[in-house]
Amino acid sequence: MSGPVVLEVAQWQGSGASTARRLPSGAAWLAELVPAGRRHTVALDNSVGDSRGGVQNADVLERHLLAVRAALAEVPPGERTVTIGGDCGVDLAPIESALSVFGDRLALVWFDAHADLNTPASSPSGAFHGMVLRALIGDGPEGLRPARSLSADRVVLAGARSLDPGEQDVVESRGIRHLSVEQLTQPGPLLAAVRATGAEAVYLHIDLDVLDPQVFPAVGTPEPGGLGVEELLVAVRALTEEFTLAGLALTEYERTEAASEEEAVLRRIVDGLFGPDRR
């Protein structure tokens, strides 16, 4: 990757984790770690908002969405963005922006322990970070919908291992490709899944809880049985060698008192994604 624009979006209000207020410090540190051609910290509201229509902090999240859209509007055409969260909800506008460029030529690979395919009616928590992918495929709550929806058959769930029953139904009924952690130990099945979408470009959403918590526990909703760092990096490298990279997001880092151990893992990830041979 060559000199991307790094957007720091330190949103925590979309998370349902009790430790969500750790997200801003995680985002700030991680954004500085990523080598950038230009950096932009999106100004956010740090307050608790009102719940509406089954979505916690809905009014704050709507303001944040507008702020991220405004920041993306300042990115010159053709420049790649790397979005650093914050909760997964920060990725709605960046993916919307990639869709405006690539349209049906875009596939979305969603590296996440969770499917994030709930609606306000089905969500057990009302947290938008569990609804954002559902919003991206056209079923978002009022005020938190993309300007253009992504076709569900252009989505590849990678490493999701904690799906609510309603989310599993959506995966099956809408033709969403879903690869288990075991299927990601080699890049072949993932490449085949993206090829099957017919896409030429990929947007990579990486929620750090896709990693096994024994490898990286500093997330709000860890799930056992995840990927190792090298498995993640091999998958990403394979994708970017075959497909145009439309953008990338790293989300859900909750910085803790064990920061030095967390930083060692994150430096491995960042060096693997953005090191000298990847720029």
C-alpha atoms as a PDB file:
ATOM      1  CA  MET A   1       0.000   0.000   0.000  1.00  0.00           C
ATOM      2  CA  SER A   2       1.320   3.446  -0.862  1.00  0.00           C
ATOM      3  CA  GLY A   3       0.721   6.385   1.437  1.00  0.00           C
ATOM      4  CA  PRO A   4      -2.955   5.912   2.255  1.00  0.00           C
ATOM      5  CA  VAL A   5      -5.142   8.546   3.837  1.00  0.00           C
ATOM      6  CA  VAL A   6      -5.659   7.408   7.428  1.00  0.00           C
ATOM      7  CA  LEU A   7      -8.997   8.360   8.974  1.00  0.00           C
ATOM      8  CA  GLU A   8      -9.135   8.045  12.744  1.00  0.00           C
ATOM      9  CA  VAL A   9     -12.768   7.588  13.806  1.00  0.00           C
ATOM     10  CA  ALA A  10     -12.675   6.978  17.556  1.00  0.00           C
ATOM     11  CA  GLN A  11     -16.357   6.178  17.952  1.00  0.00           C
ATOM     12  CA  TRP A  12     -17.455   4.090  20.919  1.00  0.00           C
ATOM     13  CA  GLN A  13     -21.212   4.744  20.999  1.00  0.00           C
ATOM     14  CA  GLY A  14     -21.982   1.983  18.499  1.00  0.00           C
ATOM     15  CA  SER A  15     -20.496  -0.718  20.723  1.00  0.00           C
ATOM     16  CA  GLY A  16     -22.514  -2.808  23.131  1.00  0.00           C
ATOM     17  CA  ALA A  17     -19.480  -3.748  25.238  1.00  0.00           C
ATOM     18  CA  SER A  18     -19.282  -2.528  28.820  1.00  0.00           C
ATOM     19  CA  THR A  19     -15.665  -1.550  28.112  1.00  0.00           C
ATOM     20  CA  ALA A  20     -16.470   0.466  24.976  1.00  0.00           C
ATOM     21  CA  ARG A  21     -14.973   3.701  26.300  1.00  0.00           C
ATOM     22  CA  ARG A  22     -11.550   2.132  25.804  1.00  0.00           C
ATOM     23  CA  LEU A  23     -12.059   2.352  22.040  1.00  0.00           C
ATOM     24  CA  PRO A  24     -10.982   6.007  21.558  1.00  0.00           C
ATOM     25  CA  SER A  25      -7.539   5.479  23.082  1.00  0.00           C
ATOM     26  CA  GLY A  26      -7.119   2.319  21.014  1.00  0.00           C
ATOM     27  CA  ALA A  27      -8.060   4.155  17.843  1.00  0.00           C
ATOM     28  CA  ALA A  28      -5.706   7.050  18.549  1.00  0.00           C
ATOM     29  CA  TRP A  29      -2.735   4.777  19.169  1.00  0.00           C
ATOM     30  CA  LEU A  30      -3.433   2.487  16.231  1.00  0.00           C
ATOM     31  CA  ALA A  31      -3.960   5.388  13.813  1.00  0.00           C
ATOM     32  CA  GLU A  32      -0.513   6.740  14.660  1.00  0.00           C
ATOM     33  CA  LEU A  33       1.033   3.336  14.036  1.00  0.00           C
ATOM     34  CA  VAL A  34      -0.214   3.093  10.445  1.00  0.00           C
ATOM     35  CA  PRO A  35       2.101   4.804   7.935  1.00  0.00           C
ATOM     36  CA  ALA A  36       0.118   7.452   6.076  1.00  0.00           C
ATOM     37  CA  GLY A  37       0.349   9.890   3.234  1.00  0.00           C
ATOM     38  CA  ARG A  38      -2.096  12.065   5.158  1.00  0.00           C
ATOM     39  CA  ARG A  39      -3.928  11.741   8.472  1.00  0.00           C
ATOM     40  CA  HIS A  40      -7.321  13.029   9.481  1.00  0.00           C
ATOM     41  CA  THR A  41      -8.913  12.716  12.899  1.00  0.00           C
ATOM     42  CA  VAL A  42     -12.674  12.959  12.495  1.00  0.00           C
ATOM     43  CA  ALA A  43     -14.144  15.222  15.168  1.00  0.00           C
ATOM     44  CA  LEU A  44     -16.697  13.262  17.169  1.00  0.00           C
ATOM     45  CA  ASP A  45     -19.176  13.842  19.954  1.00  0.00           C
ATOM     46  CA  ASN A  46     -18.082  12.037  23.106  1.00  0.00           C
ATOM     47  CA  SER A  47     -21.513  12.127  24.749  1.00  0.00           C
ATOM     48  CA  VAL A  48     -24.096   9.422  25.327  1.00  0.00           C
ATOM     49  CA  GLY A  49     -26.989   9.895  22.946  1.00  0.00           C
ATOM     50  CA  ASP A  50     -30.666   9.067  22.807  1.00  0.00           C
ATOM     51  CA  SER A  51     -31.899   5.636  21.796  1.00  0.00           C
ATOM     52  CA  ARG A  52     -34.363   5.582  18.938  1.00  0.00           C
ATOM     53  CA  GLY A  53     -35.995   2.820  16.955  1.00  0.00           C
ATOM     54  CA  GLY A  54     -34.118   0.136  18.855  1.00  0.00           C
ATOM     55  CA  VAL A  55     -30.660   1.688  18.286  1.00  0.00           C
ATOM     56  CA  GLN A  56     -28.602   2.923  21.219  1.00  0.00           C
ATOM     57  CA  ASN A  57     -27.124   6.419  20.840  1.00  0.00           C
ATOM     58  CA  ALA A  58     -28.826   6.788  17.472  1.00  0.00           C
ATOM     59  CA  ASP A  59     -28.617  10.580  17.288  1.00  0.00           C
ATOM     60  CA  VAL A  60     -24.891  10.637  18.077  1.00  0.00           C
ATOM     61  CA  LEU A  61     -24.202   7.893  15.533  1.00  0.00           C
ATOM     62  CA  GLU A  62     -26.053   9.824  12.849  1.00  0.00           C
ATOM     63  CA  ARG A  63     -23.937  12.921  13.500  1.00  0.00           C
ATOM     64  CA  HIS A  64     -20.799  10.806  13.350  1.00  0.00           C
ATOM     65  CA  LEU A  65     -21.868   9.284  10.041  1.00  0.00           C
ATOM     66  CA  LEU A  66     -22.259  12.756   8.559  1.00  0.00           C
ATOM     67  CA  ALA A  67     -18.831  13.753   9.911  1.00  0.00           C
ATOM     68  CA  VAL A  68     -17.122  10.722   8.350  1.00  0.00           C
ATOM     69  CA  ARG A  69     -18.873  11.402   5.049  1.00  0.00           C
ATOM     70  CA  ALA A  70     -17.616  14.983   5.148  1.00  0.00           C
ATOM     71  CA  ALA A  71     -14.051  13.786   5.831  1.00  0.00           C
ATOM     72  CA  LEU A  72     -14.210  11.319   2.946  1.00  0.00           C
ATOM     73  CA  ALA A  73     -15.458  14.062   0.621  1.00  0.00           C
ATOM     74  CA  GLU A  74     -12.089  15.774   1.162  1.00  0.00           C
ATOM     75  CA  VAL A  75     -10.115  12.736  -0.005  1.00  0.00           C
ATOM     76  CA  PRO A  76      -8.930  13.246  -3.605  1.00  0.00           C
ATOM     77  CA  PRO A  77     -10.297  10.749  -6.134  1.00  0.00           C
ATOM     78  CA  GLY A  78      -8.144   7.670  -6.468  1.00  0.00           C
ATOM     79  CA  GLU A  79      -6.537   7.905  -3.032  1.00  0.00           C
ATOM     80  CA  ARG A  80      -6.969   4.841  -0.831  1.00  0.00           C
ATOM     81  CA  THR A  81      -8.305   5.254   2.683  1.00  0.00           C
ATOM     82  CA  VAL A  82      -7.518   3.262   5.791  1.00  0.00           C
ATOM     83  CA  THR A  83     -10.168   3.748   8.466  1.00  0.00           C
ATOM     84  CA  ILE A  84      -9.198   3.192  12.079  1.00  0.00           C
ATOM     85  CA  GLY A  85     -11.973   2.683  14.643  1.00  0.00           C
ATOM     86  CA  GLY A  86     -13.596   2.763  17.023  1.00  0.00           C
ATOM     87  CA  ASP A  87     -16.462   0.325  16.751  1.00  0.00           C
ATOM     88  CA  CYS A  88     -17.423  -1.403  13.501  1.00  0.00           C
ATOM     89  CA  GLY A  89     -20.082   1.214  12.781  1.00  0.00           C
ATOM     90  CA  VAL A  90     -17.362   3.628  11.645  1.00  0.00           C
ATOM     91  CA  ASP A  91     -17.009   1.635   8.423  1.00  0.00           C
ATOM     92  CA  LEU A  92     -20.424   2.427   6.968  1.00  0.00           C
ATOM     93  CA  ALA A  93     -19.371   5.631   5.176  1.00  0.00           C
ATOM     94  CA  PRO A  94     -15.985   4.324   3.908  1.00  0.00           C
ATOM     95  CA  ILE A  95     -17.641   1.281   2.339  1.00  0.00           C
ATOM     96  CA  GLU A  96     -20.375   3.517   0.936  1.00  0.00           C
ATOM     97  CA  SER A  97     -17.602   5.630  -0.614  1.00  0.00           C
ATOM     98  CA  ALA A  98     -15.881   2.578  -2.121  1.00  0.00           C
ATOM     99  CA  LEU A  99     -19.198   1.517  -3.615  1.00  0.00           C
ATOM    100  CA  SER A 100     -19.568   4.894  -5.275  1.00  0.00           C
ATOM    101  CA  VAL A 101     -16.279   4.248  -7.079  1.00  0.00           C
ATOM    102  CA  PHE A 102     -16.446   0.530  -7.866  1.00  0.00           C
ATOM    103  CA  GLY A 103     -20.170  -0.263  -7.855  1.00  0.00           C
ATOM    104  CA  ASP A 104     -20.920  -3.895  -8.635  1.00  0.00           C
ATOM    105  CA  ARG A 105     -17.215  -4.540  -9.210  1.00  0.00           C
ATOM    106  CA  LEU A 106     -16.686  -4.379  -5.421  1.00  0.00           C
ATOM    107  CA  ALA A 107     -16.685  -7.270  -2.943  1.00  0.00           C
ATOM    108  CA  LEU A 108     -16.638  -6.760   0.798  1.00  0.00           C
ATOM    109  CA  VAL A 109     -14.635  -9.194   2.911  1.00  0.00           C
ATOM    110  CA  TRP A 110     -15.820  -8.909   6.511  1.00  0.00           C
ATOM    111  CA  PHE A 111     -13.167 -10.303   8.867  1.00  0.00           C
ATOM    112  CA  ASP A 112     -15.053 -10.482  12.151  1.00  0.00           C
ATOM    113  CA  ALA A 113     -15.955 -12.943  14.879  1.00  0.00           C
ATOM    114  CA  HIS A 114     -19.559 -11.774  14.427  1.00  0.00           C
ATOM    115  CA  ALA A 115     -21.786 -11.345  11.400  1.00  0.00           C
ATOM    116  CA  ASP A 116     -23.089  -7.872  12.365  1.00  0.00           C
ATOM    117  CA  LEU A 117     -26.297  -8.737  10.494  1.00  0.00           C
ATOM    118  CA  ASN A 118     -28.898  -7.838  13.095  1.00  0.00           C
ATOM    119  CA  THR A 119     -31.642  -5.263  12.719  1.00  0.00           C
ATOM    120  CA  PRO A 120     -32.978  -3.080  15.544  1.00  0.00           C
ATOM    121  CA  ALA A 121     -35.801  -5.614  15.925  1.00  0.00           C
ATOM    122  CA  SER A 122     -33.512  -8.647  16.158  1.00  0.00           C
ATOM    123  CA  SER A 123     -30.575  -7.151  18.056  1.00  0.00           C
ATOM    124  CA  PRO A 124     -30.301  -8.343  21.663  1.00  0.00           C
ATOM    125  CA  SER A 125     -28.351  -5.216  22.651  1.00  0.00           C
ATOM    126  CA  GLY A 126     -29.446  -2.358  20.405  1.00  0.00           C
ATOM    127  CA  ALA A 127     -25.776  -1.722  19.609  1.00  0.00           C
ATOM    128  CA  PHE A 128     -25.248  -0.540  16.048  1.00  0.00           C
ATOM    129  CA  HIS A 129     -21.917  -2.338  15.645  1.00  0.00           C
ATOM    130  CA  GLY A 130     -23.982  -5.534  15.461  1.00  0.00           C
ATOM    131  CA  MET A 131     -26.171  -4.078  12.691  1.00  0.00           C
ATOM    132  CA  VAL A 132     -23.744  -2.317  10.375  1.00  0.00           C
ATOM    133  CA  LEU A 133     -23.316  -5.087   7.788  1.00  0.00           C
ATOM    134  CA  ARG A 134     -27.086  -5.535   7.647  1.00  0.00           C
ATOM    135  CA  ALA A 135     -27.356  -1.786   7.005  1.00  0.00           C
ATOM    136  CA  LEU A 136     -24.804  -2.041   4.211  1.00  0.00           C
ATOM    137  CA  ILE A 137     -26.878  -4.678   2.413  1.00  0.00           C
ATOM    138  CA  GLY A 138     -29.978  -2.496   2.532  1.00  0.00           C
ATOM    139  CA  ASP A 139     -31.719  -3.089   5.863  1.00  0.00           C
ATOM    140  CA  GLY A 140     -30.411  -0.243   7.977  1.00  0.00           C
ATOM    141  CA  PRO A 141     -32.256   1.797  10.582  1.00  0.00           C
ATOM    142  CA  GLU A 142     -33.470   5.274   9.682  1.00  0.00           C
ATOM    143  CA  GLY A 143     -30.568   7.720   9.579  1.00  0.00           C
ATOM    144  CA  LEU A 144     -27.922   4.987   9.475  1.00  0.00           C
ATOM    145  CA  ARG A 145     -28.296   3.721   5.933  1.00  0.00           C
ATOM    146  CA  PRO A 146     -25.748   3.968   3.125  1.00  0.00           C
ATOM    147  CA  ALA A 147     -26.527   6.089   0.103  1.00  0.00           C
ATOM    148  CA  ARG A 148     -26.030   2.948  -1.981  1.00  0.00           C
ATOM    149  CA  SER A 149     -26.528  -0.598  -0.728  1.00  0.00           C
ATOM    150  CA  LEU A 150     -24.177  -3.474  -1.365  1.00  0.00           C
ATOM    151  CA  SER A 151     -25.605  -6.607  -2.928  1.00  0.00           C
ATOM    152  CA  ALA A 152     -25.525  -9.384  -0.324  1.00  0.00           C
ATOM    153  CA  ASP A 153     -23.947 -11.788  -2.791  1.00  0.00           C
ATOM    154  CA  ARG A 154     -20.904  -9.486  -2.901  1.00  0.00           C
ATOM    155  CA  VAL A 155     -20.245 -10.076   0.815  1.00  0.00           C
ATOM    156  CA  VAL A 156     -17.842 -12.683   2.187  1.00  0.00           C
ATOM    157  CA  LEU A 157     -17.962 -13.313   5.932  1.00  0.00           C
ATOM    158  CA  ALA A 158     -14.507 -14.432   7.020  1.00  0.00           C
ATOM    159  CA  GLY A 159     -13.943 -16.012  10.414  1.00  0.00           C
ATOM    160  CA  ALA A 160     -17.387 -15.280  11.879  1.00  0.00           C
ATOM    161  CA  ARG A 161     -18.135 -17.837  14.576  1.00  0.00           C
ATOM    162  CA  SER A 162     -20.841 -16.271  16.736  1.00  0.00           C
ATOM    163  CA  LEU A 163     -24.056 -15.751  14.760  1.00  0.00           C
ATOM    164  CA  ASP A 164     -27.510 -15.172  16.185  1.00  0.00           C
ATOM    165  CA  PRO A 165     -30.232 -17.386  14.652  1.00  0.00           C
ATOM    166  CA  GLY A 166     -31.662 -14.481  12.681  1.00  0.00           C
ATOM    167  CA  GLU A 167     -28.225 -13.663  11.296  1.00  0.00           C
ATOM    168  CA  GLN A 168     -27.735 -17.255  10.169  1.00  0.00           C
ATOM    169  CA  ASP A 169     -31.073 -17.064   8.377  1.00  0.00           C
ATOM    170  CA  VAL A 170     -29.933 -13.924   6.525  1.00  0.00           C
ATOM    171  CA  VAL A 171     -26.661 -15.568   5.506  1.00  0.00           C
ATOM    172  CA  GLU A 172     -28.564 -18.482   3.990  1.00  0.00           C
ATOM    173  CA  SER A 173     -31.476 -16.567   2.446  1.00  0.00           C
ATOM    174  CA  ARG A 174     -29.442 -13.716   0.954  1.00  0.00           C
ATOM    175  CA  GLY A 175     -26.592 -15.763  -0.490  1.00  0.00           C
ATOM    176  CA  ILE A 176     -23.836 -14.402   1.733  1.00  0.00           C
ATOM    177  CA  ARG A 177     -20.682 -16.476   1.476  1.00  0.00           C
ATOM    178  CA  HIS A 178     -19.392 -17.538   4.909  1.00  0.00           C
ATOM    179  CA  LEU A 179     -15.971 -19.024   5.542  1.00  0.00           C
ATOM    180  CA  SER A 180     -15.131 -20.552   8.898  1.00  0.00           C
ATOM    181  CA  VAL A 181     -11.835 -20.059  10.684  1.00  0.00           C
ATOM    182  CA  GLU A 182     -10.816 -23.544   9.556  1.00  0.00           C
ATOM    183  CA  GLN A 183     -11.408 -22.570   5.922  1.00  0.00           C
ATOM    184  CA  LEU A 184      -9.051 -19.594   6.324  1.00  0.00           C
ATOM    185  CA  THR A 185      -5.977 -21.590   7.285  1.00  0.00           C
ATOM    186  CA  GLN A 186      -5.057 -21.482   3.584  1.00  0.00           C
ATOM    187  CA  PRO A 187      -6.002 -18.624   1.210  1.00  0.00           C
ATOM    188  CA  GLY A 188      -7.522 -20.822  -1.506  1.00  0.00           C
ATOM    189  CA  PRO A 189     -11.130 -20.983  -0.234  1.00  0.00           C
ATOM    190  CA  LEU A 190     -11.206 -17.242   0.476  1.00  0.00           C
ATOM    191  CA  LEU A 191      -9.894 -16.361  -2.972  1.00  0.00           C
ATOM    192  CA  ALA A 192     -12.444 -18.711  -4.535  1.00  0.00           C
ATOM    193  CA  ALA A 193     -15.260 -17.089  -2.563  1.00  0.00           C
ATOM    194  CA  VAL A 194     -14.291 -13.593  -3.703  1.00  0.00           C
ATOM    195  CA  ARG A 195     -13.839 -14.747  -7.303  1.00  0.00           C
ATOM    196  CA  ALA A 196     -17.337 -16.206  -7.175  1.00  0.00           C
ATOM    197  CA  THR A 197     -18.772 -12.736  -6.492  1.00  0.00           C
ATOM    198  CA  GLY A 198     -17.479 -11.583  -9.873  1.00  0.00           C
ATOM    199  CA  ALA A 199     -15.777  -8.616  -8.239  1.00  0.00           C
ATOM    200  CA  GLU A 200     -12.578  -6.932  -9.385  1.00  0.00           C
ATOM    201  CA  ALA A 201     -11.917  -4.960  -6.197  1.00  0.00           C
ATOM    202  CA  VAL A 202     -12.143  -5.759  -2.486  1.00  0.00           C
ATOM    203  CA  TYR A 203     -12.797  -3.692   0.581  1.00  0.00           C
ATOM    204  CA  LEU A 204     -11.375  -5.318   3.712  1.00  0.00           C
ATOM    205  CA  HIS A 205     -13.113  -4.782   7.040  1.00  0.00           C
ATOM    206  CA  ILE A 206     -11.028  -6.171   9.901  1.00  0.00           C
ATOM    207  CA  ASP A 207     -12.585  -6.308  13.341  1.00  0.00           C
ATOM    208  CA  LEU A 208      -9.725  -7.365  15.590  1.00  0.00           C
ATOM    209  CA  ASP A 209     -11.992  -9.820  17.377  1.00  0.00           C
ATOM    210  CA  VAL A 210     -11.552 -12.073  14.347  1.00  0.00           C
ATOM    211  CA  LEU A 211      -8.293 -12.991  16.087  1.00  0.00           C
ATOM    212  CA  ASP A 212      -8.295 -15.655  18.742  1.00  0.00           C
ATOM    213  CA  PRO A 213      -8.475 -14.015  22.201  1.00  0.00           C
ATOM    214  CA  GLN A 214      -5.419 -16.005  23.269  1.00  0.00           C
ATOM    215  CA  VAL A 215      -3.582 -14.053  20.578  1.00  0.00           C
ATOM    216  CA  PHE A 216      -5.285 -10.684  21.061  1.00  0.00           C
ATOM    217  CA  PRO A 217      -7.826 -10.252  23.870  1.00  0.00           C
ATOM    218  CA  ALA A 218      -8.093  -6.440  23.784  1.00  0.00           C
ATOM    219  CA  VAL A 219     -11.557  -6.285  22.212  1.00  0.00           C
ATOM    220  CA  GLY A 220     -15.005  -5.792  23.677  1.00  0.00           C
ATOM    221  CA  THR A 221     -16.616  -9.030  22.520  1.00  0.00           C
ATOM    222  CA  PRO A 222     -13.951 -11.748  22.233  1.00  0.00           C
ATOM    223  CA  GLU A 223     -14.901 -15.156  20.883  1.00  0.00           C
ATOM    224  CA  PRO A 224     -12.758 -18.302  21.211  1.00  0.00           C
ATOM    225  CA  GLY A 225     -11.458 -20.192  18.232  1.00  0.00           C
ATOM    226  CA  GLY A 226     -10.264 -17.273  16.101  1.00  0.00           C
ATOM    227  CA  LEU A 227      -7.487 -16.639  13.630  1.00  0.00           C
ATOM    228  CA  GLY A 228      -3.812 -16.248  14.342  1.00  0.00           C
ATOM    229  CA  VAL A 229      -1.991 -13.125  13.188  1.00  0.00           C
ATOM    230  CA  GLU A 230      -0.137 -14.864  10.376  1.00  0.00           C
ATOM    231  CA  GLU A 231      -3.320 -16.505   9.086  1.00  0.00           C
ATOM    232  CA  LEU A 232      -4.940 -13.090   8.870  1.00  0.00           C
ATOM    233  CA  LEU A 233      -1.950 -11.556   7.112  1.00  0.00           C
ATOM    234  CA  VAL A 234      -1.658 -14.400   4.613  1.00  0.00           C
ATOM    235  CA  ALA A 235      -5.339 -14.000   3.750  1.00  0.00           C
ATOM    236  CA  VAL A 236      -5.020 -10.253   3.252  1.00  0.00           C
ATOM    237  CA  ARG A 237      -1.872 -10.558   1.158  1.00  0.00           C
ATOM    238  CA  ALA A 238      -3.499 -13.129  -1.098  1.00  0.00           C
ATOM    239  CA  LEU A 239      -6.519 -10.898  -1.637  1.00  0.00           C
ATOM    240  CA  THR A 240      -4.503  -7.766  -2.407  1.00  0.00           C
ATOM    241  CA  GLU A 241      -2.262  -9.634  -4.826  1.00  0.00           C
ATOM    242  CA  GLU A 242      -5.254 -10.718  -6.924  1.00  0.00           C
ATOM    243  CA  PHE A 243      -7.776  -7.910  -6.481  1.00  0.00           C
ATOM    244  CA  THR A 244      -7.645  -4.132  -6.440  1.00  0.00           C
ATOM    245  CA  LEU A 245      -7.762  -2.909  -2.864  1.00  0.00           C
ATOM    246  CA  ALA A 246     -10.612  -0.418  -2.537  1.00  0.00           C
ATOM    247  CA  GLY A 247     -10.006   0.368   1.134  1.00  0.00           C
ATOM    248  CA  LEU A 248      -9.402  -1.165   4.519  1.00  0.00           C
ATOM    249  CA  ALA A 249     -10.570  -0.712   8.098  1.00  0.00           C
ATOM    250  CA  LEU A 250      -9.139  -1.865  11.421  1.00  0.00           C
ATOM    251  CA  THR A 251     -11.655  -1.670  14.241  1.00  0.00           C
ATOM    252  CA  GLU A 252     -12.567  -2.528  17.835  1.00  0.00           C
ATOM    253  CA  TYR A 253      -9.173  -2.200  19.578  1.00  0.00           C
ATOM    254  CA  GLU A 254      -9.826  -1.524  23.273  1.00  0.00           C
ATOM    255  CA  ARG A 255      -6.519  -0.382  24.746  1.00  0.00           C
ATOM    256  CA  THR A 256      -5.943  -1.801  28.244  1.00  0.00           C
ATOM    257  CA  GLU A 257      -3.315  -1.835  30.971  1.00  0.00           C
ATOM    258  CA  ALA A 258      -1.553  -4.614  29.058  1.00  0.00           C
ATOM    259  CA  ALA A 259      -0.808  -2.121  26.279  1.00  0.00           C
ATOM    260  CA  SER A 260       2.763  -3.249  25.673  1.00  0.00           C
ATOM    261  CA  GLU A 261       1.638  -6.806  24.904  1.00  0.00           C
ATOM    262  CA  GLU A 262      -1.177  -5.514  22.691  1.00  0.00           C
ATOM    263  CA  GLU A 263       1.196  -3.210  20.846  1.00  0.00           C
ATOM    264  CA  ALA A 264       3.512  -6.090  19.999  1.00  0.00           C
ATOM    265  CA  VAL A 265       0.668  -7.904  18.237  1.00  0.00           C
ATOM    266  CA  LEU A 266      -0.594  -4.761  16.519  1.00  0.00           C
ATOM    267  CA  ARG A 267       2.880  -3.893  15.261  1.00  0.00           C
ATOM    268  CA  ARG A 268       3.078  -7.347  13.665  1.00  0.00           C
ATOM    269  CA  ILE A 269      -0.250  -6.709  11.969  1.00  0.00           C
ATOM    270  CA  VAL A 270       0.601  -3.200  10.819  1.00  0.00           C
ATOM    271  CA  ASP A 271       4.046  -4.234   9.585  1.00  0.00           C
ATOM    272  CA  GLY A 272       2.434  -7.117   7.682  1.00  0.00           C
ATOM    273  CA  LEU A 273      -0.168  -4.864   6.105  1.00  0.00           C
ATOM    274  CA  PHE A 274       1.795  -1.664   5.565  1.00  0.00           C
ATOM    275  CA  GLY A 275       5.483  -2.569   5.861  1.00  0.00           C
ATOM    276  CA  PRO A 276       8.073  -1.406   3.301  1.00  0.00           C
ATOM    277  CA  ASP A 277       7.305  -4.238   0.902  1.00  0.00           C
ATOM    278  CA  ARG A 278       3.569  -3.450   1.065  1.00  0.00           C
ATOM    279  CA  ARG A 279       3.670   0.308   0.456  1.00  0.00           C
END
